[in-house]
Amino acid sequence: MSEQSLPDDARPEYADALPEYAERVLEVADLIPPGRVMTYGDVAEWLEEGGPRQVGRVMALYGGTAPWWRVVRADGVLLPGHELRALNHYRAEGTPLKEASRAAEGHVPRLDMRRARWDGGQDAGGHT
């Protein structure tokens, strides 16, 4: 069960304020330009803290207020359960995609990670 589905009195104290690490992850997500993506591991590396699982956890719990579709799996597979919503965002932003083969289940495209991945170098908001 996700913490989002817990009764209000059973939720942890962070309901009023985001943990500092979560704030930092969401700030990086906000920096990613439209049409580009970073992997969970890229975000952790950018922050020099945590790892892909920690970033994924933050995005699962708090990512609804950020451009969640721009923080992705390294293999380019769209977020399970949110494929169509993400695909709408990718198409609207012109994010490079690889069309799915007819043999692929559901025929959902993947991200073209070679072309879509953002390294944070351009328009990085002063991050060093």
C-alpha atoms as a PDB file:
ATOM      1  CA  MET A   1       0.000   0.000   0.000  1.00  0.00           C
ATOM      2  CA  SER A   2       1.392   3.420  -0.857  1.00  0.00           C
ATOM      3  CA  GLU A   3       1.619   6.079   1.794  1.00  0.00           C
ATOM      4  CA  GLN A   4      -0.660   8.226  -0.346  1.00  0.00           C
ATOM      5  CA  SER A   5      -3.490   5.780   0.296  1.00  0.00           C
ATOM      6  CA  LEU A   6      -3.076   5.729   4.089  1.00  0.00           C
ATOM      7  CA  PRO A   7      -5.597   7.524   6.288  1.00  0.00           C
ATOM      8  CA  ASP A   8      -4.539  11.074   7.160  1.00  0.00           C
ATOM      9  CA  ASP A   9      -3.791  10.191  10.790  1.00  0.00           C
ATOM     10  CA  ALA A  10      -1.489   7.325   9.695  1.00  0.00           C
ATOM     11  CA  ARG A  11       0.655   9.374   7.314  1.00  0.00           C
ATOM     12  CA  PRO A  12       4.159  10.402   8.328  1.00  0.00           C
ATOM     13  CA  GLU A  13       4.821  13.953   9.474  1.00  0.00           C
ATOM     14  CA  TYR A  14       6.062  15.079   6.035  1.00  0.00           C
ATOM     15  CA  ALA A  15       2.508  15.840   4.935  1.00  0.00           C
ATOM     16  CA  ASP A  16       3.097  19.538   5.734  1.00  0.00           C
ATOM     17  CA  ALA A  17       6.627  19.903   4.405  1.00  0.00           C
ATOM     18  CA  LEU A  18       8.742  17.963   1.943  1.00  0.00           C
ATOM     19  CA  PRO A  19      11.925  16.349   3.183  1.00  0.00           C
ATOM     20  CA  GLU A  20      14.991  18.262   2.031  1.00  0.00           C
ATOM     21  CA  TYR A  21      16.107  15.466  -0.302  1.00  0.00           C
ATOM     22  CA  ALA A  22      12.680  15.365  -1.950  1.00  0.00           C
ATOM     23  CA  GLU A  23      12.788  19.123  -2.507  1.00  0.00           C
ATOM     24  CA  ARG A  24      16.166  18.787  -4.183  1.00  0.00           C
ATOM     25  CA  VAL A  25      14.990  15.943  -6.448  1.00  0.00           C
ATOM     26  CA  LEU A  26      11.935  17.943  -7.521  1.00  0.00           C
ATOM     27  CA  GLU A  27      14.083  21.011  -8.190  1.00  0.00           C
ATOM     28  CA  VAL A  28      16.210  18.955 -10.593  1.00  0.00           C
ATOM     29  CA  ALA A  29      13.061  17.634 -12.302  1.00  0.00           C
ATOM     30  CA  ASP A  30      11.933  21.239 -12.783  1.00  0.00           C
ATOM     31  CA  LEU A  31      15.244  22.083 -14.488  1.00  0.00           C
ATOM     32  CA  ILE A  32      14.887  19.430 -17.194  1.00  0.00           C
ATOM     33  CA  PRO A  33      13.895  21.220 -20.411  1.00  0.00           C
ATOM     34  CA  PRO A  34      10.739  20.205 -22.288  1.00  0.00           C
ATOM     35  CA  GLY A  35      11.490  17.405 -24.733  1.00  0.00           C
ATOM     36  CA  ARG A  36      14.371  16.065 -22.654  1.00  0.00           C
ATOM     37  CA  VAL A  37      14.668  13.493 -19.847  1.00  0.00           C
ATOM     38  CA  MET A  38      16.999  12.400 -17.064  1.00  0.00           C
ATOM     39  CA  THR A  39      17.114   8.940 -15.554  1.00  0.00           C
ATOM     40  CA  TYR A  40      16.573   8.316 -11.862  1.00  0.00           C
ATOM     41  CA  GLY A  41      20.295   7.591 -11.629  1.00  0.00           C
ATOM     42  CA  ASP A  42      21.170  10.805 -13.489  1.00  0.00           C
ATOM     43  CA  VAL A  43      19.236  12.827 -10.916  1.00  0.00           C
ATOM     44  CA  ALA A  44      20.984  11.061  -8.022  1.00  0.00           C
ATOM     45  CA  GLU A  45      24.351  11.660  -9.677  1.00  0.00           C
ATOM     46  CA  TRP A  46      23.477  15.336 -10.251  1.00  0.00           C
ATOM     47  CA  LEU A  47      22.640  15.681  -6.554  1.00  0.00           C
ATOM     48  CA  GLU A  48      25.685  13.635  -5.518  1.00  0.00           C
ATOM     49  CA  GLU A  49      23.414  11.866  -3.056  1.00  0.00           C
ATOM     50  CA  GLY A  50      21.192   8.799  -2.994  1.00  0.00           C
ATOM     51  CA  GLY A  51      20.649   6.485  -5.912  1.00  0.00           C
ATOM     52  CA  PRO A  52      18.059   5.604  -8.534  1.00  0.00           C
ATOM     53  CA  ARG A  53      15.766   3.900  -6.024  1.00  0.00           C
ATOM     54  CA  GLN A  54      15.735   6.896  -3.698  1.00  0.00           C
ATOM     55  CA  VAL A  55      14.951   9.239  -6.589  1.00  0.00           C
ATOM     56  CA  GLY A  56      12.223   6.866  -7.796  1.00  0.00           C
ATOM     57  CA  ARG A  57      10.701   6.814  -4.319  1.00  0.00           C
ATOM     58  CA  VAL A  58      10.643  10.618  -4.178  1.00  0.00           C
ATOM     59  CA  MET A  59       9.025  10.794  -7.612  1.00  0.00           C
ATOM     60  CA  ALA A  60       6.419   8.182  -6.623  1.00  0.00           C
ATOM     61  CA  LEU A  61       5.484  10.032  -3.431  1.00  0.00           C
ATOM     62  CA  TYR A  62       5.872  13.686  -4.418  1.00  0.00           C
ATOM     63  CA  GLY A  63       6.403  13.883  -8.180  1.00  0.00           C
ATOM     64  CA  GLY A  64       2.850  14.851  -9.075  1.00  0.00           C
ATOM     65  CA  THR A  65       3.695  18.533  -8.682  1.00  0.00           C
ATOM     66  CA  ALA A  66       6.766  18.309 -10.946  1.00  0.00           C
ATOM     67  CA  PRO A  67       7.219  17.273 -14.583  1.00  0.00           C
ATOM     68  CA  TRP A  68       7.366  13.612 -13.497  1.00  0.00           C
ATOM     69  CA  TRP A  69       7.437  12.346 -17.081  1.00  0.00           C
ATOM     70  CA  ARG A  70      10.934  13.844 -17.519  1.00  0.00           C
ATOM     71  CA  VAL A  71      12.492  11.584 -14.833  1.00  0.00           C
ATOM     72  CA  VAL A  72      12.585   8.115 -16.322  1.00  0.00           C
ATOM     73  CA  ARG A  73      13.975   4.599 -16.327  1.00  0.00           C
ATOM     74  CA  ALA A  74      17.337   4.172 -18.018  1.00  0.00           C
ATOM     75  CA  ASP A  75      15.933   1.694 -20.546  1.00  0.00           C
ATOM     76  CA  GLY A  76      13.444   4.227 -21.925  1.00  0.00           C
ATOM     77  CA  VAL A  77      10.367   2.183 -20.980  1.00  0.00           C
ATOM     78  CA  LEU A  78       7.456   4.452 -20.099  1.00  0.00           C
ATOM     79  CA  LEU A  79       6.284   4.492 -16.491  1.00  0.00           C
ATOM     80  CA  PRO A  80       4.029   1.458 -16.015  1.00  0.00           C
ATOM     81  CA  GLY A  81       0.443   2.488 -15.372  1.00  0.00           C
ATOM     82  CA  HIS A  82       1.080   6.014 -16.649  1.00  0.00           C
ATOM     83  CA  GLU A  83       2.204   5.249 -20.208  1.00  0.00           C
ATOM     84  CA  LEU A  84      -0.566   7.117 -21.995  1.00  0.00           C
ATOM     85  CA  ARG A  85      -0.360  10.221 -19.800  1.00  0.00           C
ATOM     86  CA  ALA A  86       3.407  10.305 -20.239  1.00  0.00           C
ATOM     87  CA  LEU A  87       3.122   9.681 -23.972  1.00  0.00           C
ATOM     88  CA  ASN A  88       0.815  12.698 -24.310  1.00  0.00           C
ATOM     89  CA  HIS A  89       3.426  14.870 -22.587  1.00  0.00           C
ATOM     90  CA  TYR A  90       6.266  13.478 -24.726  1.00  0.00           C
ATOM     91  CA  ARG A  91       4.382  14.097 -27.954  1.00  0.00           C
ATOM     92  CA  ALA A  92       3.376  17.622 -26.903  1.00  0.00           C
ATOM     93  CA  GLU A  93       7.004  18.449 -26.004  1.00  0.00           C
ATOM     94  CA  GLY A  94       8.584  16.727 -29.005  1.00  0.00           C
ATOM     95  CA  THR A  95      10.543  14.251 -26.878  1.00  0.00           C
ATOM     96  CA  PRO A  96      12.357  11.739 -29.129  1.00  0.00           C
ATOM     97  CA  LEU A  97      10.637   8.364 -29.125  1.00  0.00           C
ATOM     98  CA  LYS A  98      11.322   4.969 -30.654  1.00  0.00           C
ATOM     99  CA  GLU A  99       8.154   3.503 -32.083  1.00  0.00           C
ATOM    100  CA  ALA A 100       7.276   0.095 -30.711  1.00  0.00           C
ATOM    101  CA  SER A 101       7.465  -2.926 -32.917  1.00  0.00           C
ATOM    102  CA  ARG A 102       4.232  -4.694 -33.754  1.00  0.00           C
ATOM    103  CA  ALA A 103       5.387  -7.564 -31.553  1.00  0.00           C
ATOM    104  CA  ALA A 104       5.683  -5.271 -28.516  1.00  0.00           C
ATOM    105  CA  GLU A 105       2.875  -5.708 -26.027  1.00  0.00           C
ATOM    106  CA  GLY A 106       0.472  -2.783 -26.319  1.00  0.00           C
ATOM    107  CA  HIS A 107       2.591  -1.204 -29.073  1.00  0.00           C
ATOM    108  CA  VAL A 108       3.704   1.574 -26.683  1.00  0.00           C
ATOM    109  CA  PRO A 109       6.815   3.421 -27.842  1.00  0.00           C
ATOM    110  CA  ARG A 110       9.934   3.846 -25.731  1.00  0.00           C
ATOM    111  CA  LEU A 111      11.963   6.963 -25.195  1.00  0.00           C
ATOM    112  CA  ASP A 112      14.917   7.337 -27.538  1.00  0.00           C
ATOM    113  CA  MET A 113      17.376   7.740 -24.683  1.00  0.00           C
ATOM    114  CA  ARG A 114      20.324   8.518 -26.949  1.00  0.00           C
ATOM    115  CA  ARG A 115      18.541  11.620 -28.253  1.00  0.00           C
ATOM    116  CA  ALA A 116      16.251  12.541 -25.331  1.00  0.00           C
ATOM    117  CA  ARG A 117      18.673  12.279 -22.406  1.00  0.00           C
ATOM    118  CA  TRP A 118      19.696  15.591 -20.888  1.00  0.00           C
ATOM    119  CA  ASP A 119      23.064  15.858 -19.159  1.00  0.00           C
ATOM    120  CA  GLY A 120      22.251  19.090 -17.358  1.00  0.00           C
ATOM    121  CA  GLY A 121      24.953  20.978 -19.216  1.00  0.00           C
ATOM    122  CA  GLN A 122      22.852  23.474 -21.117  1.00  0.00           C
ATOM    123  CA  ASP A 123      20.432  25.744 -19.247  1.00  0.00           C
ATOM    124  CA  ALA A 124      21.332  24.060 -15.977  1.00  0.00           C
ATOM    125  CA  GLY A 125      20.445  27.047 -13.846  1.00  0.00           C
ATOM    126  CA  GLY A 126      23.964  27.559 -12.514  1.00  0.00           C
ATOM    127  CA  HIS A 127      24.452  23.999 -11.230  1.00  0.00           C
ATOM    128  CA  THR A 128      28.100  22.989 -11.193  1.00  0.00           C
END
